[in-house]
């Protein structure tokens, strides 16, 4: 008699595939997911990277961040050269510390944020060093996602890919390492890796933008798509593409290259990059946003694609622009209005038929889009460095709370209310 043991696949697992069965999150639909940079480093955290992405110079008069993290709950923090309004030294966190990641995922659970896409930049894919800090952070995040029951997925950001002599081959090899070494899609009981249409979802950001040096026809992108979708061991994935906001028209912030549409047709989910594209300082912006969401979604549906509109709480990168662009951008360029702009965007997207949302970003204080807890009163200005705090009366957790409320609205558990952002009574905030 021939034994059949070992020939019957696990439920939800294809024969030959290295991915585990579908876990807690079989679909992106009904979820609010945020992007997670995890790129902040400090002296003394073991990275030897200095104040990476904080941009604090030796002279104490430089910065790459406009908003300051509220570090009152962090287990580990690091002193900076800046001073708080009360005279104490201002401190920051390092993304490399497991305690930082654990805290962030606990916040997600507490406030109802469904999960995050972990950003993985192209430069990381070049290295085979299994102990590089980006891997440490991803390992910490995978563990924290399971402990807190939050969805997690990998997002490859093509930023850093060179115009000549490079293609997407290193992304293929990196995904193999993540599947083999970290077991990102086979975590066992309590699998929290985000799936879509029952398949592991892999996001790739950076196609069709005019400020990217690479030609999307020459980077082997179709080979990457074919690998992720069809490889018998590492494939069988769903794909989300991060593209310009005006991808339909191939204009404004998008290259006029029809080939982008050919690539998008091979994906499963489309996410347009909206930060800086909408502002509360213009009349009827939410109506314009809702119209674009509705039209984008219809365009995607015609091609059999799902659509994840991108929302964000505000935007400011004055300190970065002062260093890189000669001060081209004002402080608090897109104000948060105590959450009115963010909540208005969420309501507009949901009213236009959104079935899933992408939030930019969880932790990005560089560009002032962070939804994590940020300081109501940031450190004092120093030289030409200035910081943005939250408006009077807005608590540091306000945008985490609003994100959770956005999930309830998306799933139909909360009625539309344009004044929800006011959070008039925290004791009744979940009613």
Foldseek 3Di string as FASTA:
>chain_A
DDDCPPVDDDVLDDPQALFAHDFDAAAQFLAEAFADELFADDPPPPQPPHGPCQQQDPVRAAGLFFFFFDCPPAPDWAFGPFAFPVGDTDIHDHSLDLSVLLVLLVLCLVQVHQYYAYEDEPVNLVDPPCPRSSNSSVLSNQVSCQVRVHAYAYEYEDPPADAPDAACVSVLVVLVCCCPPVVLRHPDHSNRYHAHPSFREYEYEDPFFPVGNHDPVPRCVVVVLCCQDPPSYNHVGAYEYEAALPVVVCDDGGHVDCVVVVVVLSHAEYEHDCVPVAAPVDPPRLVVLLVSLLVVQVVQVVSNHAYAYEAFQFWAQQSNCVVVVVRPADGRNHPRPLVLRRLSNLLSNLVSPHRHYYYHHCDPSSTDRHQAFTAQGDTDRDDPRHHDHNDPPRGRNLSSNSSSVSSCVSNVNDDDDSCLSVCVDVVPNPD
